[in-house]
Amino acid sequence: MAVPKAKVSKARRDKRRSSVWKLDMPGMVKCKCGEYNLAHRVCSKCGSYAGETIISKDSKKA
């Protein structure tokens, strides 16, 4: 049966449990249309990427 060799100090235990190393939020950037998107992805609202229109959002689907 596994048994710890020594007591884990409060500081070491709390460092392991802390949430300092966890990410808060993925990297969001503002598109030219004002919508927030994940970085390096096509905008879901206007369909542009790096200032160029990649997907045309003009045609409406029924």
PDB file of N, CA and C in Angstrom:
ATOM      1  N   MET A   1       0.836  -1.187   0.000  1.00  0.00           N
ATOM      2  CA  MET A   1       0.000   0.000   0.000  1.00  0.00           C
ATOM      3  C   MET A   1       0.883   1.254   0.000  1.00  0.00           C
ATOM      4  N   ALA A   2       0.544   2.256  -0.816  1.00  0.00           N
ATOM      5  CA  ALA A   2       1.352   3.470  -0.932  1.00  0.00           C
ATOM      6  C   ALA A   2       1.148   4.369   0.280  1.00  0.00           C
ATOM      7  N   VAL A   3       2.268   4.737   0.886  1.00  0.00           N
ATOM      8  CA  VAL A   3       2.238   5.614   2.056  1.00  0.00           C
ATOM      9  C   VAL A   3       3.223   6.749   1.809  1.00  0.00           C
ATOM     10  N   PRO A   4       2.840   8.002   2.102  1.00  0.00           N
ATOM     11  CA  PRO A   4       3.777   9.114   1.911  1.00  0.00           C
ATOM     12  C   PRO A   4       4.984   8.989   2.836  1.00  0.00           C
ATOM     13  N   LYS A   5       6.177   9.305   2.319  1.00  0.00           N
ATOM     14  CA  LYS A   5       7.393   9.224   3.124  1.00  0.00           C
ATOM     15  C   LYS A   5       7.483  10.373   4.120  1.00  0.00           C
ATOM     16  N   ALA A   6       6.941  11.538   3.756  1.00  0.00           N
ATOM     17  CA  ALA A   6       7.029  12.698   4.642  1.00  0.00           C
ATOM     18  C   ALA A   6       5.754  13.530   4.528  1.00  0.00           C
ATOM     19  N   LYS A   7       5.544  14.345   5.545  1.00  0.00           N
ATOM     20  CA  LYS A   7       4.361  15.216   5.561  1.00  0.00           C
ATOM     21  C   LYS A   7       4.501  16.289   4.485  1.00  0.00           C
ATOM     22  N   VAL A   8       3.423  16.563   3.771  1.00  0.00           N
ATOM     23  CA  VAL A   8       3.404  17.641   2.792  1.00  0.00           C
ATOM     24  C   VAL A   8       3.052  18.920   3.528  1.00  0.00           C
ATOM     25  N   SER A   9       3.937  19.920   3.414  1.00  0.00           N
ATOM     26  CA  SER A   9       3.713  21.167   4.136  1.00  0.00           C
ATOM     27  C   SER A   9       2.492  21.903   3.593  1.00  0.00           C
ATOM     28  N   LYS A  10       1.968  22.814   4.386  1.00  0.00           N
ATOM     29  CA  LYS A  10       0.787  23.584   3.981  1.00  0.00           C
ATOM     30  C   LYS A  10       1.091  24.434   2.752  1.00  0.00           C
ATOM     31  N   ALA A  11       2.304  24.995   2.698  1.00  0.00           N
ATOM     32  CA  ALA A  11       2.670  25.841   1.558  1.00  0.00           C
ATOM     33  C   ALA A  11       2.720  25.018   0.268  1.00  0.00           C
ATOM     34  N   ARG A  12       3.324  23.842   0.327  1.00  0.00           N
ATOM     35  CA  ARG A  12       3.424  22.989  -0.859  1.00  0.00           C
ATOM     36  C   ARG A  12       2.047  22.502  -1.297  1.00  0.00           C
ATOM     37  N   ARG A  13       1.233  22.120  -0.334  1.00  0.00           N
ATOM     38  CA  ARG A  13      -0.123  21.664  -0.627  1.00  0.00           C
ATOM     39  C   ARG A  13      -0.940  22.774  -1.271  1.00  0.00           C
ATOM     40  N   ASP A  14      -0.848  23.986  -0.714  1.00  0.00           N
ATOM     41  CA  ASP A  14      -1.642  25.105  -1.227  1.00  0.00           C
ATOM     42  C   ASP A  14      -1.157  25.568  -2.598  1.00  0.00           C
ATOM     43  N   LYS A  15       0.156  25.464  -2.853  1.00  0.00           N
ATOM     44  CA  LYS A  15       0.672  25.800  -4.178  1.00  0.00           C
ATOM     45  C   LYS A  15       0.103  24.864  -5.232  1.00  0.00           C
ATOM     46  N   ARG A  16      -0.014  23.605  -4.901  1.00  0.00           N
ATOM     47  CA  ARG A  16      -0.548  22.631  -5.832  1.00  0.00           C
ATOM     48  C   ARG A  16      -2.033  22.867  -6.093  1.00  0.00           C
ATOM     49  N   ARG A  17      -2.751  23.281  -5.083  1.00  0.00           N
ATOM     50  CA  ARG A  17      -4.194  23.486  -5.204  1.00  0.00           C
ATOM     51  C   ARG A  17      -4.569  24.851  -5.774  1.00  0.00           C
ATOM     52  N   SER A  18      -3.606  25.765  -5.873  1.00  0.00           N
ATOM     53  CA  SER A  18      -3.926  27.125  -6.312  1.00  0.00           C
ATOM     54  C   SER A  18      -4.349  27.134  -7.773  1.00  0.00           C
ATOM     55  N   SER A  19      -5.056  28.167  -8.148  1.00  0.00           N
ATOM     56  CA  SER A  19      -5.535  28.271  -9.522  1.00  0.00           C
ATOM     57  C   SER A  19      -4.750  29.312 -10.307  1.00  0.00           C
ATOM     58  N   VAL A  20      -3.522  29.619  -9.886  1.00  0.00           N
ATOM     59  CA  VAL A  20      -2.706  30.615 -10.561  1.00  0.00           C
ATOM     60  C   VAL A  20      -2.315  30.137 -11.961  1.00  0.00           C
ATOM     61  N   TRP A  21      -2.054  28.863 -12.115  1.00  0.00           N
ATOM     62  CA  TRP A  21      -1.552  28.328 -13.373  1.00  0.00           C
ATOM     63  C   TRP A  21      -2.658  28.023 -14.363  1.00  0.00           C
ATOM     64  N   LYS A  22      -3.921  28.104 -13.962  1.00  0.00           N
ATOM     65  CA  LYS A  22      -5.025  27.785 -14.852  1.00  0.00           C
ATOM     66  C   LYS A  22      -5.355  28.974 -15.747  1.00  0.00           C
ATOM     67  N   LEU A  23      -5.749  28.704 -16.975  1.00  0.00           N
ATOM     68  CA  LEU A  23      -6.112  29.770 -17.903  1.00  0.00           C
ATOM     69  C   LEU A  23      -7.455  30.375 -17.525  1.00  0.00           C
ATOM     70  N   ASP A  24      -7.563  31.689 -17.630  1.00  0.00           N
ATOM     71  CA  ASP A  24      -8.808  32.371 -17.306  1.00  0.00           C
ATOM     72  C   ASP A  24      -9.797  32.287 -18.466  1.00  0.00           C
ATOM     73  N   MET A  25      -9.321  32.665 -19.639  1.00  0.00           N
ATOM     74  CA  MET A  25     -10.200  32.756 -20.786  1.00  0.00           C
ATOM     75  C   MET A  25      -9.353  32.572 -22.044  1.00  0.00           C
ATOM     76  N   PRO A  26      -9.883  31.943 -23.072  1.00  0.00           N
ATOM     77  CA  PRO A  26      -9.096  31.826 -24.303  1.00  0.00           C
ATOM     78  C   PRO A  26      -8.834  33.195 -24.923  1.00  0.00           C
ATOM     79  N   GLY A  27      -7.797  33.291 -25.732  1.00  0.00           N
ATOM     80  CA  GLY A  27      -7.420  34.562 -26.337  1.00  0.00           C
ATOM     81  C   GLY A  27      -8.479  35.070 -27.288  1.00  0.00           C
ATOM     82  N   MET A  28      -9.172  36.127 -26.888  1.00  0.00           N
ATOM     83  CA  MET A  28     -10.221  36.696 -27.722  1.00  0.00           C
ATOM     84  C   MET A  28      -9.708  38.003 -28.330  1.00  0.00           C
ATOM     85  N   VAL A  29     -10.034  38.202 -29.602  1.00  0.00           N
ATOM     86  CA  VAL A  29      -9.681  39.437 -30.301  1.00  0.00           C
ATOM     87  C   VAL A  29     -10.939  40.044 -30.905  1.00  0.00           C
ATOM     88  N   LYS A  30     -10.894  41.348 -31.120  1.00  0.00           N
ATOM     89  CA  LYS A  30     -12.044  42.056 -31.670  1.00  0.00           C
ATOM     90  C   LYS A  30     -11.916  42.120 -33.190  1.00  0.00           C
ATOM     91  N   CYS A  31     -12.964  41.712 -33.883  1.00  0.00           N
ATOM     92  CA  CYS A  31     -12.994  41.747 -35.349  1.00  0.00           C
ATOM     93  C   CYS A  31     -13.257  43.186 -35.811  1.00  0.00           C
ATOM     94  N   LYS A  32     -13.096  43.425 -37.121  1.00  0.00           N
ATOM     95  CA  LYS A  32     -13.375  44.767 -37.670  1.00  0.00           C
ATOM     96  C   LYS A  32     -14.856  45.125 -37.551  1.00  0.00           C
ATOM     97  N   CYS A  33     -15.723  44.102 -37.447  1.00  0.00           N
ATOM     98  CA  CYS A  33     -17.160  44.363 -37.301  1.00  0.00           C
ATOM     99  C   CYS A  33     -17.552  44.587 -35.838  1.00  0.00           C
ATOM    100  N   GLY A  34     -16.611  44.363 -34.915  1.00  0.00           N
ATOM    101  CA  GLY A  34     -16.882  44.602 -33.504  1.00  0.00           C
ATOM    102  C   GLY A  34     -17.176  43.349 -32.700  1.00  0.00           C
ATOM    103  N   GLU A  35     -17.254  42.209 -33.373  1.00  0.00           N
ATOM    104  CA  GLU A  35     -17.547  40.931 -32.700  1.00  0.00           C
ATOM    105  C   GLU A  35     -16.252  40.350 -32.116  1.00  0.00           C
ATOM    106  N   TYR A  36     -16.347  39.735 -30.929  1.00  0.00           N
ATOM    107  CA  TYR A  36     -15.205  39.064 -30.333  1.00  0.00           C
ATOM    108  C   TYR A  36     -15.145  37.623 -30.824  1.00  0.00           C
ATOM    109  N   ASN A  37     -13.947  37.181 -31.243  1.00  0.00           N
ATOM    110  CA  ASN A  37     -13.728  35.834 -31.756  1.00  0.00           C
ATOM    111  C   ASN A  37     -12.460  35.269 -31.144  1.00  0.00           C
ATOM    112  N   LEU A  38     -12.280  33.955 -31.281  1.00  0.00           N
ATOM    113  CA  LEU A  38     -11.002  33.350 -30.933  1.00  0.00           C
ATOM    114  C   LEU A  38      -9.961  33.829 -31.934  1.00  0.00           C
ATOM    115  N   ALA A  39      -8.734  33.980 -31.482  1.00  0.00           N
ATOM    116  CA  ALA A  39      -7.670  34.469 -32.348  1.00  0.00           C
ATOM    117  C   ALA A  39      -7.389  33.482 -33.471  1.00  0.00           C
ATOM    118  N   HIS A  40      -7.030  33.980 -34.631  1.00  0.00           N
ATOM    119  CA  HIS A  40      -6.660  33.195 -35.816  1.00  0.00           C
ATOM    120  C   HIS A  40      -7.805  32.313 -36.316  1.00  0.00           C
ATOM    121  N   ARG A  41      -9.020  32.835 -36.269  1.00  0.00           N
ATOM    122  CA  ARG A  41     -10.176  32.108 -36.790  1.00  0.00           C
ATOM    123  C   ARG A  41     -11.079  33.072 -37.555  1.00  0.00           C
ATOM    124  N   VAL A  42     -11.865  32.541 -38.479  1.00  0.00           N
ATOM    125  CA  VAL A  42     -12.781  33.348 -39.274  1.00  0.00           C
ATOM    126  C   VAL A  42     -13.902  33.858 -38.370  1.00  0.00           C
ATOM    127  N   CYS A  43     -14.278  35.114 -38.549  1.00  0.00           N
ATOM    128  CA  CYS A  43     -15.351  35.721 -37.761  1.00  0.00           C
ATOM    129  C   CYS A  43     -16.676  35.037 -38.081  1.00  0.00           C
ATOM    130  N   SER A  44     -17.429  34.697 -37.045  1.00  0.00           N
ATOM    131  CA  SER A  44     -18.708  34.014 -37.255  1.00  0.00           C
ATOM    132  C   SER A  44     -19.808  34.980 -37.689  1.00  0.00           C
ATOM    133  N   LYS A  45     -19.614  36.262 -37.448  1.00  0.00           N
ATOM    134  CA  LYS A  45     -20.646  37.240 -37.803  1.00  0.00           C
ATOM    135  C   LYS A  45     -20.487  37.754 -39.233  1.00  0.00           C
ATOM    136  N   CYS A  46     -19.278  38.219 -39.579  1.00  0.00           N
ATOM    137  CA  CYS A  46     -19.089  38.819 -40.907  1.00  0.00           C
ATOM    138  C   CYS A  46     -18.327  37.916 -41.872  1.00  0.00           C
ATOM    139  N   GLY A  47     -17.680  36.857 -41.396  1.00  0.00           N
ATOM    140  CA  GLY A  47     -16.984  35.927 -42.268  1.00  0.00           C
ATOM    141  C   GLY A  47     -15.636  36.408 -42.754  1.00  0.00           C
ATOM    142  N   SER A  48     -15.011  37.344 -42.037  1.00  0.00           N
ATOM    143  CA  SER A  48     -13.721  37.856 -42.481  1.00  0.00           C
ATOM    144  C   SER A  48     -12.595  37.298 -41.618  1.00  0.00           C
ATOM    145  N   TYR A  49     -11.389  37.289 -42.206  1.00  0.00           N
ATOM    146  CA  TYR A  49     -10.193  36.849 -41.501  1.00  0.00           C
ATOM    147  C   TYR A  49      -9.029  37.696 -41.978  1.00  0.00           C
ATOM    148  N   ALA A  50      -8.312  38.316 -41.076  1.00  0.00           N
ATOM    149  CA  ALA A  50      -7.155  39.170 -41.383  1.00  0.00           C
ATOM    150  C   ALA A  50      -7.527  40.288 -42.350  1.00  0.00           C
ATOM    151  N   GLY A  51      -8.726  40.849 -42.199  1.00  0.00           N
ATOM    152  CA  GLY A  51      -9.145  41.967 -43.020  1.00  0.00           C
ATOM    153  C   GLY A  51      -9.731  41.599 -44.368  1.00  0.00           C
ATOM    154  N   GLU A  52      -9.744  40.324 -44.727  1.00  0.00           N
ATOM    155  CA  GLU A  52     -10.290  39.876 -46.009  1.00  0.00           C
ATOM    156  C   GLU A  52     -11.544  39.044 -45.776  1.00  0.00           C
ATOM    157  N   THR A  53     -12.530  39.206 -46.665  1.00  0.00           N
ATOM    158  CA  THR A  53     -13.763  38.429 -46.562  1.00  0.00           C
ATOM    159  C   THR A  53     -13.507  37.026 -47.102  1.00  0.00           C
ATOM    160  N   ILE A  54     -13.656  36.052 -46.244  1.00  0.00           N
ATOM    161  CA  ILE A  54     -13.414  34.658 -46.611  1.00  0.00           C
ATOM    162  C   ILE A  54     -14.734  33.959 -46.942  1.00  0.00           C
ATOM    163  N   ILE A  55     -15.731  34.165 -46.105  1.00  0.00           N
ATOM    164  CA  ILE A  55     -17.049  33.562 -46.286  1.00  0.00           C
ATOM    165  C   ILE A  55     -18.051  34.687 -46.444  1.00  0.00           C
ATOM    166  N   SER A  56     -18.810  34.668 -47.539  1.00  0.00           N
ATOM    167  CA  SER A  56     -19.813  35.707 -47.728  1.00  0.00           C
ATOM    168  C   SER A  56     -21.044  35.378 -46.906  1.00  0.00           C
ATOM    169  N   LYS A  57     -21.475  36.310 -46.092  1.00  0.00           N
ATOM    170  CA  LYS A  57     -22.648  36.125 -45.229  1.00  0.00           C
ATOM    171  C   LYS A  57     -23.870  36.836 -45.781  1.00  0.00           C
ATOM    172  N   ASP A  58     -23.811  37.268 -47.049  1.00  0.00           N
ATOM    173  CA  ASP A  58     -24.929  38.003 -47.656  1.00  0.00           C
ATOM    174  C   ASP A  58     -26.119  37.105 -47.942  1.00  0.00           C
ATOM    175  N   SER A  59     -25.873  35.900 -48.435  1.00  0.00           N
ATOM    176  CA  SER A  59     -26.970  35.016 -48.792  1.00  0.00           C
ATOM    177  C   SER A  59     -27.612  34.420 -47.539  1.00  0.00           C
ATOM    178  N   LYS A  60     -28.935  34.558 -47.433  1.00  0.00           N
ATOM    179  CA  LYS A  60     -29.662  34.030 -46.284  1.00  0.00           C
ATOM    180  C   LYS A  60     -30.234  32.664 -46.638  1.00  0.00           C
ATOM    181  N   LYS A  61     -30.083  31.731 -45.728  1.00  0.00           N
ATOM    182  CA  LYS A  61     -30.630  30.387 -45.933  1.00  0.00           C
ATOM    183  C   LYS A  61     -31.953  30.272 -45.198  1.00  0.00           C
ATOM    184  N   ALA A  62     -32.931  29.637 -45.815  1.00  0.00           N
ATOM    185  CA  ALA A  62     -34.268  29.519 -45.234  1.00  0.00           C
ATOM    186  C   ALA A  62     -34.353  28.434 -44.231  1.00  0.00           C
TER     187      ALA A  62
END
